[in-house]
Structure formats: C-alpha cells, structure tokens
Amino acid sequence: MLLSIADSHLKTLPEVVRALEKAGLKVSGELNTLGVIRGFVEPENMLKLSEVEGVSHVREEKSYRIAPPDSSIQ
C-alpha cells in the first residue's frame, strides 16, 4: 500500500503512522519529506486506513515481474 499524508499533518507524521499501525498497517517505509508511507495490510483492514485522520489518499501498490531474457516464455 502507498498512503499519502495530508500536508496539514506532516508535522504530526509519527502520530499518523502510529494510528495507521493501530489500524493494521505494517509499515515498510516512510518518505517523510514527501508525506508518503509504504506498507502492507490485510484486505479486511484496507478501508480502515483511509479513515485515519491525516491520510489523504490510499493506493494499492502493484508489482510486475517479467521472465528472464533466456526464458522460454516471453
């Protein structure tokens, strides 16, 4: 998950992170100056994240993998 923190809450980012963790987020990274938090959450807790005060946007992070160049499937 990628979560954007509202500019108005950047000064209280540690408190927002604690509230996100309480809502079920396992934080894997913080870009404090940008107000972006990265982490993992169980599907049943996804909606709770957007309800945390200070969170302006929640987005599911997608990952893509491609086969190696010498693979028979391309």
Protein backbone atom coordinates (compact mmCIF):
# COMPACT_ATOMS: atom_id res chain seq x y z
CA MET A 1 0.00 0.00 0.00
CA LEU A 2 1.04 3.56 -0.63
CA LEU A 3 -0.52 6.19 1.60
CA SER A 4 -0.31 9.92 1.09
CA ILE A 5 -0.40 12.10 4.18
CA ALA A 6 -2.13 15.49 4.01
CA ASP A 7 0.25 18.46 4.10
CA SER A 8 -1.56 19.71 7.19
CA HIS A 9 -0.48 16.56 9.07
CA LEU A 10 3.18 16.35 8.03
CA LYS A 11 4.32 17.87 11.33
CA THR A 12 2.48 15.10 13.20
CA LEU A 13 3.58 12.29 10.90
CA PRO A 14 4.76 9.99 13.73
CA GLU A 15 1.28 10.14 15.28
CA VAL A 16 -0.34 9.39 11.91
CA VAL A 17 2.00 6.42 11.44
CA ARG A 18 1.09 5.08 14.89
CA ALA A 19 -2.62 5.40 14.04
CA LEU A 20 -2.03 3.55 10.75
CA GLU A 21 -0.23 0.77 12.58
CA LYS A 22 -3.11 0.55 15.03
CA ALA A 23 -5.45 0.23 12.02
CA GLY A 24 -3.43 -2.77 10.83
CA LEU A 25 -0.71 -1.35 8.57
CA LYS A 26 2.72 -2.98 8.76
CA VAL A 27 4.94 -0.06 7.76
CA SER A 28 7.79 -0.96 5.42
CA GLY A 29 8.97 2.53 4.57
CA GLU A 30 8.46 6.24 5.14
CA LEU A 31 9.25 9.13 2.84
CA ASN A 32 8.79 11.80 5.48
CA THR A 33 9.55 14.87 3.36
CA LEU A 34 7.04 13.72 0.73
CA GLY A 35 4.43 12.53 3.20
CA VAL A 36 4.28 9.02 1.78
CA ILE A 37 4.04 5.82 3.82
CA ARG A 38 4.52 2.38 2.34
CA GLY A 39 3.34 -0.83 3.95
CA PHE A 40 1.27 -3.99 3.98
CA VAL A 41 -2.23 -4.57 5.32
CA GLU A 42 -4.66 -7.46 5.43
CA PRO A 43 -7.53 -6.97 2.94
CA GLU A 44 -10.12 -6.69 5.70
CA ASN A 45 -8.27 -3.67 7.15
CA MET A 46 -7.79 -1.70 3.92
CA LEU A 47 -10.83 0.52 4.44
CA LYS A 48 -9.69 1.46 7.96
CA LEU A 49 -6.55 3.10 6.57
CA SER A 50 -8.46 5.75 4.64
CA GLU A 51 -10.37 6.62 7.82
CA VAL A 52 -7.21 7.55 9.76
CA GLU A 53 -7.01 11.29 10.37
CA GLY A 54 -4.31 12.83 8.20
CA VAL A 55 -4.46 10.26 5.39
CA SER A 56 -5.38 11.93 2.13
CA HIS A 57 -5.03 9.00 -0.27
CA VAL A 58 -4.64 5.21 -0.12
CA ARG A 59 -3.47 3.27 -3.15
CA GLU A 60 -2.76 -0.40 -3.59
CA GLU A 61 0.74 -0.86 -4.90
CA LYS A 62 1.06 -3.10 -7.94
CA SER A 63 4.11 -5.13 -8.77
CA TYR A 64 5.05 -6.70 -12.07
CA ARG A 65 7.53 -9.38 -12.90
CA ILE A 66 8.85 -10.42 -16.27
CA ALA A 67 10.59 -13.59 -17.28
CA PRO A 68 14.39 -13.52 -17.69
CA PRO A 69 15.64 -12.96 -21.27
CA ASP A 70 16.71 -16.59 -21.66
CA SER A 71 13.33 -17.94 -20.52
CA SER A 72 11.23 -19.95 -22.99
CA ILE A 73 8.19 -17.78 -22.11
CA GLN A 74 8.39 -14.17 -23.24
